Amino acid sequence: MIGTVASHRLGAALSAQLFASLFFVALITFHVTPPPCDQVTANMYLKHLRSEPWLAQVEAKLAVHPYVRAAESGRLTLTQRRAFVGEQYSIQMSDARSFAVLAGHVGFLPSRLAGTPVPSAVQRAPAGATIDLFQYLLEGEVYAADLLLGMSRALGLTEEQLMTWPITSQGQGYPSYWARLALSRQRAEGAAAVAVNFDAWGRMCRRLHAALAAQPTVYNASAEELAFIAYFGETVPGLDEMAISVVREAPCPRYSDLAQAVRLVQENEVAFWDAIYAATPMAPAPPPASTGT
């Protein structure tokens, strides 16, 4: 009798899972307008995104990227290390503003990020989360701003130099796309992108941290220099749960919209590393013009 009941329960569970899987396939194949997302559908969204062939291609590029490989082989130059900080300074400022908009804040436009008070949450945390994902990300960017300045000091750069750093369009594609998502208030697309992209960004930071720390005679990297990439190399606890909570907000997004956001954010992740690998030494500033006598 117990075995029969267990068999029926197992059969029912498998039937429900099969129905959910077929329903999900219909959503992504025929672009059906879905009802509000439940937990199963949102989980399937993330699972399918992580199995996309184009994501595997991006991750393969990052796995053998010449920037981290140069770091691991002791060939990363001071110029390339400084380029990381120079591009990141503007990325952080832009991303913080984008996350603020997605968290429901209006007018968060600080002139510098380090030491800026984080506005209190205005959006209630979605079901299944203790804090709104984008409020969490905003707080993280503000916290990490001081760490980035420590990294810049260790590399001989001042914040004033970072403010006027000659950033590149290639290096700034990532925050530019986030600004686009924020402008359109695309919270679900942004949440899916975070869930997937932070895995890739975290792996790159961990590899860079390990490479710099393991070769003190080559890089002489101090704890101050390493703190920023150590912070972003950590796994974010509950990230998927926070992202899924946003995806479940009504109306449930189309899978194709989530996939496009994830793909573009990931492609811009690669572009960032390409840009800082290609960095060349900054030309010295020209002398001030003579005023004559």
Protein backbone atom coordinates (compact mmCIF):
# COMPACT_ATOMS: atom_id res chain seq x y z
CA MET A 1 0.00 0.00 0.00
CA ILE A 2 2.77 2.42 0.95
CA GLY A 3 4.60 1.55 -2.22
CA THR A 4 1.47 2.20 -4.30
CA VAL A 5 0.89 5.61 -2.70
CA ALA A 6 4.54 6.54 -3.21
CA SER A 7 4.32 5.45 -6.85
CA HIS A 8 1.22 7.58 -7.40
CA ARG A 9 2.90 10.59 -5.79
CA LEU A 10 6.02 10.11 -7.89
CA GLY A 11 3.90 9.75 -11.02
CA ALA A 12 2.00 12.93 -10.20
CA ALA A 13 5.20 14.83 -9.54
CA LEU A 14 6.73 13.67 -12.82
CA SER A 15 3.54 14.54 -14.70
CA ALA A 16 3.54 18.04 -13.22
CA GLN A 17 7.21 18.48 -14.11
CA LEU A 18 6.58 17.22 -17.66
CA PHE A 19 3.64 19.59 -18.08
CA ALA A 20 5.73 22.51 -16.82
CA SER A 21 8.55 21.57 -19.19
CA LEU A 22 6.23 21.34 -22.20
CA PHE A 23 4.59 24.63 -21.24
CA PHE A 24 8.00 26.25 -20.98
CA VAL A 25 9.02 24.93 -24.41
CA ALA A 26 5.85 26.45 -25.84
CA LEU A 27 6.69 29.80 -24.26
CA ILE A 28 10.14 30.03 -25.82
CA THR A 29 9.27 28.40 -29.15
CA PHE A 30 6.04 30.13 -30.06
CA HIS A 31 6.55 33.38 -28.12
CA VAL A 32 3.33 32.78 -26.23
CA THR A 33 2.27 35.62 -23.94
CA PRO A 34 2.72 33.94 -20.56
CA PRO A 35 0.64 34.32 -17.41
CA PRO A 36 2.31 35.63 -14.23
CA CYS A 37 5.41 33.55 -13.50
CA ASP A 38 5.39 30.91 -10.85
CA GLN A 39 8.49 29.55 -9.16
CA VAL A 40 8.80 26.62 -11.58
CA THR A 41 8.65 28.80 -14.70
CA ALA A 42 11.13 31.34 -13.33
CA ASN A 43 13.55 28.57 -12.39
CA MET A 44 13.23 27.07 -15.85
CA TYR A 45 13.97 30.45 -17.40
CA LEU A 46 17.32 30.64 -15.60
CA LYS A 47 18.12 26.99 -16.24
CA HIS A 48 17.48 27.36 -19.97
CA LEU A 49 19.44 30.62 -20.17
CA ARG A 50 22.46 28.90 -18.65
CA SER A 51 22.25 26.13 -21.26
CA GLU A 52 22.15 28.43 -24.30
CA PRO A 53 24.88 27.69 -26.90
CA TRP A 54 25.77 31.36 -27.20
CA LEU A 55 26.43 31.53 -23.45
CA ALA A 56 28.83 28.60 -23.70
CA GLN A 57 30.66 30.44 -26.51
CA VAL A 58 31.04 33.58 -24.38
CA GLU A 59 32.25 31.60 -21.38
CA ALA A 60 34.77 29.80 -23.59
CA LYS A 61 36.17 33.18 -24.68
CA LEU A 62 36.48 34.33 -21.09
CA ALA A 63 38.13 31.08 -20.01
CA VAL A 64 41.07 31.69 -22.37
CA HIS A 65 40.98 35.48 -22.35
CA PRO A 66 44.45 36.95 -22.94
CA TYR A 67 44.08 39.42 -20.04
CA VAL A 68 43.83 36.77 -17.33
CA ARG A 69 46.25 34.48 -19.15
CA ALA A 70 48.78 37.32 -19.25
CA ALA A 71 48.22 37.84 -15.52
CA GLU A 72 48.72 34.14 -14.82
CA SER A 73 51.92 34.00 -16.84
CA GLY A 74 53.42 37.12 -15.23
CA ARG A 75 53.10 39.27 -18.36
CA LEU A 76 50.36 41.69 -17.35
CA THR A 77 51.69 45.25 -17.60
CA LEU A 78 51.17 48.14 -15.21
CA THR A 79 49.31 49.91 -18.03
CA GLN A 80 46.85 47.02 -18.29
CA ARG A 81 46.35 46.90 -14.53
CA ARG A 82 45.70 50.63 -14.44
CA ALA A 83 43.27 50.31 -17.37
CA PHE A 84 41.18 47.94 -15.27
CA VAL A 85 40.80 50.62 -12.60
CA GLY A 86 40.31 53.47 -15.08
CA GLU A 87 37.46 51.76 -16.89
CA GLN A 88 35.93 50.38 -13.68
CA TYR A 89 35.70 53.82 -12.07
CA SER A 90 33.26 55.00 -14.74
CA ILE A 91 31.53 51.61 -14.92
CA GLN A 92 30.80 51.69 -11.20
CA MET A 93 29.37 55.19 -11.30
CA SER A 94 27.10 54.37 -14.24
CA ASP A 95 26.02 50.98 -12.89
CA ALA A 96 25.18 52.46 -9.49
CA ARG A 97 22.92 55.02 -11.14
CA SER A 98 21.28 52.31 -13.27
CA PHE A 99 20.71 50.04 -10.28
CA ALA A 100 19.26 52.99 -8.37
CA VAL A 101 16.71 53.60 -11.11
CA LEU A 102 15.80 49.90 -11.23
CA ALA A 103 15.44 49.95 -7.44
CA GLY A 104 12.92 52.79 -7.73
CA HIS A 105 15.10 55.76 -6.76
CA VAL A 106 14.79 59.08 -8.53
CA GLY A 107 17.61 61.58 -8.84
CA PHE A 108 20.49 59.44 -7.55
CA LEU A 109 23.28 61.32 -9.37
CA PRO A 110 26.29 61.60 -7.05
CA SER A 111 29.41 63.35 -8.31
CA ARG A 112 31.51 60.58 -6.77
CA LEU A 113 30.48 57.17 -5.49
CA ALA A 114 32.84 56.60 -2.55
CA GLY A 115 31.29 57.81 0.67
CA THR A 116 27.91 58.51 -0.92
CA PRO A 117 24.96 57.66 1.36
CA VAL A 118 22.81 54.89 -0.10
CA PRO A 119 19.15 55.92 -0.29
CA SER A 120 16.79 53.79 1.75
CA ALA A 121 14.85 51.12 -0.07
CA VAL A 122 11.67 52.46 -1.65
CA GLN A 123 10.55 49.24 -3.29
CA ARG A 124 9.30 46.38 -1.20
CA ALA A 125 11.32 43.21 -1.62
CA PRO A 126 9.55 40.84 -4.02
CA ALA A 127 8.10 37.59 -2.71
CA GLY A 128 10.85 35.15 -1.80
CA ALA A 129 13.53 37.80 -1.16
CA THR A 130 14.58 39.75 1.92
CA ILE A 131 15.81 42.72 -0.13
CA ASP A 132 15.13 43.98 -3.63
CA LEU A 133 17.87 42.76 -5.98
CA PHE A 134 18.70 46.19 -7.36
CA GLN A 135 18.79 47.83 -3.94
CA TYR A 136 21.28 45.12 -2.97
CA LEU A 137 23.38 45.79 -6.08
CA LEU A 138 23.33 49.54 -5.48
CA GLU A 139 24.56 49.08 -1.92
CA GLY A 140 27.30 46.77 -3.20
CA GLU A 141 28.55 49.27 -5.77
CA VAL A 142 28.75 52.07 -3.20
CA TYR A 143 30.61 49.81 -0.76
CA ALA A 144 33.07 48.69 -3.45
CA ALA A 145 33.82 52.25 -4.55
CA ASP A 146 36.25 52.72 -1.64
CA LEU A 147 37.91 49.42 -2.52
CA LEU A 148 38.45 50.58 -6.10
CA LEU A 149 40.08 53.79 -4.86
CA GLY A 150 42.39 51.66 -2.73
CA MET A 151 43.31 49.68 -5.82
CA SER A 152 43.99 52.90 -7.73
CA ARG A 153 46.25 54.24 -4.95
CA ALA A 154 48.23 51.01 -4.95
CA LEU A 155 48.76 51.48 -8.69
CA GLY A 156 49.83 55.10 -8.34
CA LEU A 157 46.60 56.76 -9.52
CA THR A 158 44.54 59.46 -7.83
CA GLU A 159 40.76 59.78 -8.00
CA GLU A 160 41.23 62.98 -9.99
CA GLN A 161 43.08 60.97 -12.63
CA LEU A 162 40.29 58.39 -12.68
CA MET A 163 37.70 61.13 -13.20
CA THR A 164 39.47 62.19 -16.39
CA TRP A 165 40.53 58.72 -17.50
CA PRO A 166 40.27 58.27 -21.31
CA ILE A 167 37.64 55.54 -21.16
CA THR A 168 36.84 53.59 -24.31
CA SER A 169 33.58 52.80 -26.05
CA GLN A 170 34.54 49.14 -25.98
CA GLY A 171 35.20 49.18 -22.25
CA GLN A 172 32.01 51.11 -21.49
CA GLY A 173 29.59 49.00 -23.51
CA TYR A 174 28.64 47.08 -20.36
CA PRO A 175 27.40 50.05 -18.30
CA SER A 176 25.86 51.64 -21.38
CA TYR A 177 23.63 48.62 -21.89
CA TRP A 178 22.69 48.63 -18.20
CA ALA A 179 21.67 52.27 -18.59
CA ARG A 180 19.41 51.21 -21.44
CA LEU A 181 17.77 48.54 -19.29
CA ALA A 182 17.30 51.08 -16.51
CA LEU A 183 15.83 53.69 -18.85
CA SER A 184 13.16 51.19 -19.90
CA ARG A 185 12.67 49.91 -16.33
CA GLN A 186 13.42 46.36 -17.51
CA ARG A 187 13.77 44.81 -14.08
CA ALA A 188 13.16 41.21 -15.10
CA GLU A 189 15.66 41.36 -17.96
CA GLY A 190 18.20 42.97 -15.66
CA ALA A 191 17.63 40.35 -12.98
CA ALA A 192 18.24 37.51 -15.42
CA ALA A 193 21.38 39.23 -16.69
CA VAL A 194 22.73 39.64 -13.16
CA ALA A 195 22.09 36.00 -12.28
CA VAL A 196 24.08 34.81 -15.27
CA ASN A 197 26.69 37.54 -15.61
CA PHE A 198 27.82 37.67 -11.99
CA ASP A 199 29.00 34.07 -12.32
CA ALA A 200 31.25 35.06 -15.22
CA TRP A 201 32.48 38.32 -13.63
CA GLY A 202 33.17 36.55 -10.36
CA ARG A 203 35.24 33.82 -12.04
CA MET A 204 37.35 36.41 -13.86
CA CYS A 205 37.95 38.35 -10.64
CA ARG A 206 38.94 35.18 -8.77
CA ARG A 207 41.43 34.20 -11.47
CA LEU A 208 42.91 37.69 -11.61
CA HIS A 209 43.18 37.82 -7.83
CA ALA A 210 44.89 34.43 -7.68
CA ALA A 211 47.33 35.37 -10.45
CA LEU A 212 48.37 38.68 -8.89
CA ALA A 213 48.62 37.29 -5.37
CA ALA A 214 50.63 34.23 -6.41
CA GLN A 215 53.45 36.25 -8.03
CA PRO A 216 54.64 38.86 -5.50
CA THR A 217 58.04 39.23 -7.11
CA VAL A 218 56.37 40.12 -10.41
CA TYR A 219 53.40 42.24 -9.36
CA ASN A 220 54.06 43.19 -5.73
CA ALA A 221 50.28 43.41 -5.38
CA SER A 222 49.26 44.68 -1.94
CA ALA A 223 46.13 43.74 -0.05
CA GLU A 224 44.81 47.19 -0.92
CA GLU A 225 45.20 46.47 -4.63
CA LEU A 226 43.55 43.07 -4.35
CA ALA A 227 40.57 43.99 -2.13
CA PHE A 228 38.29 45.11 -4.97
CA ILE A 229 38.66 41.95 -7.05
CA ALA A 230 38.53 39.82 -3.90
CA TYR A 231 35.16 41.38 -3.06
CA PHE A 232 33.68 40.76 -6.51
CA GLY A 233 35.22 37.32 -6.64
CA GLU A 234 33.01 36.18 -3.79
CA THR A 235 29.86 34.21 -4.53
CA VAL A 236 26.74 36.27 -3.81
CA PRO A 237 24.54 34.30 -1.40
CA GLY A 238 20.93 34.01 -2.53
CA LEU A 239 21.55 35.71 -5.88
CA ASP A 240 19.34 33.34 -7.87
CA GLU A 241 16.55 33.67 -5.33
CA MET A 242 16.67 37.48 -5.55
CA ALA A 243 16.72 37.36 -9.35
CA ILE A 244 13.87 34.86 -9.56
CA SER A 245 11.80 37.03 -7.23
CA VAL A 246 12.12 39.91 -9.69
CA VAL A 247 11.41 37.71 -12.72
CA ARG A 248 8.20 36.56 -11.02
CA GLU A 249 6.84 40.08 -10.83
CA ALA A 250 3.81 40.58 -13.08
CA PRO A 251 3.71 40.61 -16.00
CA CYS A 252 5.87 37.58 -16.63
CA PRO A 253 8.51 38.48 -19.26
CA ARG A 254 8.99 36.76 -22.58
CA TYR A 255 11.91 34.37 -22.62
CA SER A 256 13.28 36.00 -25.77
CA ASP A 257 13.54 39.34 -23.96
CA LEU A 258 15.46 37.77 -21.07
CA ALA A 259 17.75 35.92 -23.47
CA GLN A 260 18.59 39.08 -25.41
CA ALA A 261 19.49 40.97 -22.25
CA VAL A 262 21.69 38.15 -20.94
CA ARG A 263 23.44 37.73 -24.29
CA LEU A 264 24.22 41.43 -24.69
CA VAL A 265 25.45 41.83 -21.12
CA GLN A 266 27.72 38.81 -21.56
CA GLU A 267 29.07 40.07 -24.89
CA ASN A 268 29.84 43.40 -23.25
CA GLU A 269 31.62 41.55 -20.43
CA VAL A 270 34.01 40.14 -23.02
CA ALA A 271 34.37 43.59 -24.61
CA PHE A 272 35.46 45.07 -21.27
CA TRP A 273 38.30 42.56 -20.90
CA ASP A 274 39.25 43.07 -24.55
CA ALA A 275 39.49 46.82 -23.99
CA ILE A 276 41.74 46.69 -20.94
CA TYR A 277 43.98 44.05 -22.53
CA ALA A 278 44.48 46.36 -25.52
CA ALA A 279 45.32 49.36 -23.31
CA THR A 280 48.38 51.40 -24.21
CA PRO A 281 50.34 53.79 -21.97
CA MET A 282 48.75 57.21 -21.56
CA ALA A 283 50.56 60.02 -23.33
CA PRO A 284 51.98 62.64 -20.95
CA ALA A 285 49.88 65.78 -20.60
CA PRO A 286 51.11 68.65 -22.78
CA PRO A 287 52.82 71.52 -20.96
CA PRO A 288 50.69 74.58 -20.27
CA ALA A 289 50.67 77.14 -23.05
CA SER A 290 52.97 80.11 -22.55
CA THR A 291 51.18 83.33 -21.71
CA GLY A 292 54.03 85.48 -22.95
CA THR A 293 55.34 88.59 -21.31
